[in-house]
Protein backbone atom coordinates (compact mmCIF):
# COMPACT_ATOMS: atom_id res chain seq x y z
CA MET A 1 41.42 -6.65 -33.23
CA ILE A 2 38.48 -7.48 -30.90
CA THR A 3 37.25 -11.03 -29.98
CA GLU A 4 33.59 -11.41 -31.18
CA THR A 5 32.19 -13.09 -27.86
CA PRO A 6 28.50 -13.69 -27.64
CA GLU A 7 27.89 -10.21 -26.12
CA ILE A 8 29.87 -8.56 -28.85
CA ALA A 9 28.10 -10.42 -31.49
CA ALA A 10 24.63 -9.39 -30.15
CA ALA A 11 25.52 -5.79 -29.98
CA LEU A 12 26.76 -6.11 -33.71
CA ASP A 13 23.76 -7.59 -34.72
CA ALA A 14 21.65 -4.76 -33.09
CA ALA A 15 23.77 -2.33 -34.69
CA ALA A 16 23.44 -3.91 -38.24
CA LEU A 17 19.54 -3.26 -37.76
CA VAL A 18 20.30 0.66 -37.39
CA TRP A 19 23.14 0.44 -39.84
CA PRO A 20 22.37 -2.27 -42.46
CA GLY A 21 24.94 -2.95 -45.20
CA GLU A 22 27.98 -2.24 -42.98
CA THR A 23 30.67 -4.39 -42.34
CA ARG A 24 31.23 -6.03 -38.96
CA ALA A 25 34.34 -3.59 -38.63
CA ASP A 26 32.57 -0.41 -39.60
CA LEU A 27 29.61 -1.55 -37.05
CA VAL A 28 32.45 -1.70 -34.17
CA ARG A 29 33.72 1.71 -35.36
CA ARG A 30 29.94 3.20 -35.41
CA LEU A 31 29.23 1.56 -31.83
CA VAL A 32 32.38 3.06 -30.46
CA THR A 33 31.70 6.40 -31.83
CA ALA A 34 28.07 6.49 -30.68
CA SER A 35 28.94 5.27 -27.28
CA ALA A 36 31.61 7.88 -26.74
CA ALA A 37 29.28 10.70 -27.76
CA GLN A 38 26.78 9.43 -25.09
CA MET A 39 29.19 9.32 -22.39
CA LEU A 40 29.97 13.23 -23.10
CA VAL A 41 26.33 13.92 -22.42
CA SER A 42 26.32 15.49 -18.96
CA PRO A 43 23.51 14.31 -16.40
CA ALA A 44 21.95 17.80 -16.67
CA GLN A 45 21.62 17.52 -20.57
CA ARG A 46 20.33 13.99 -20.14
CA ARG A 47 17.63 15.28 -17.56
CA ARG A 48 16.64 17.84 -20.30
CA MET A 49 16.35 15.27 -23.05
CA VAL A 50 14.27 13.09 -20.74
CA GLU A 51 11.84 16.13 -19.79
CA GLN A 52 11.67 17.11 -23.46
CA TRP A 53 10.37 13.81 -24.40
CA ALA A 54 8.31 13.36 -21.14
CA GLY A 55 4.61 12.87 -22.10
CA GLY A 56 5.28 12.54 -25.64
CA CYS A 57 2.91 9.34 -26.08
CA PRO A 58 -0.22 10.31 -24.54
CA GLY A 59 -2.88 7.44 -24.49
CA SER A 60 0.09 4.71 -24.58
CA TYR A 61 -0.91 3.72 -21.05
CA THR A 62 -4.58 3.28 -19.83
CA ASP A 63 -5.29 3.81 -16.10
CA ASP A 64 -5.35 0.08 -15.50
CA TRP A 65 -2.29 -0.73 -17.47
CA ASP A 66 -0.33 -1.75 -14.44
CA GLU A 67 -3.00 -4.07 -12.92
CA ARG A 68 -3.21 -5.53 -16.53
CA ARG A 69 0.70 -6.03 -16.63
CA LYS A 70 0.68 -7.74 -13.10
CA ALA A 71 -2.27 -10.07 -14.13
CA GLU A 72 -0.14 -11.55 -16.94
CA TRP A 73 2.61 -12.80 -14.66
CA PRO A 74 2.05 -15.30 -12.11
CA ALA A 75 2.64 -14.43 -8.26
């Protein structure tokens, strides 16, 4: 049994977007299993995954993206 705090509810709501139609109990099981699998990924494996996907979205950011981002927020 797990108490559905606001944080747990938010996690379950997010999981329901990934696994629609699952019960809340099944979503808990899926989240626990997925989280455990991620904890077993070594830092070296994680680094390789990042390097593999680096540059995967060329053209997503223009040369002035940082200046435009900063201009959207008041100082």
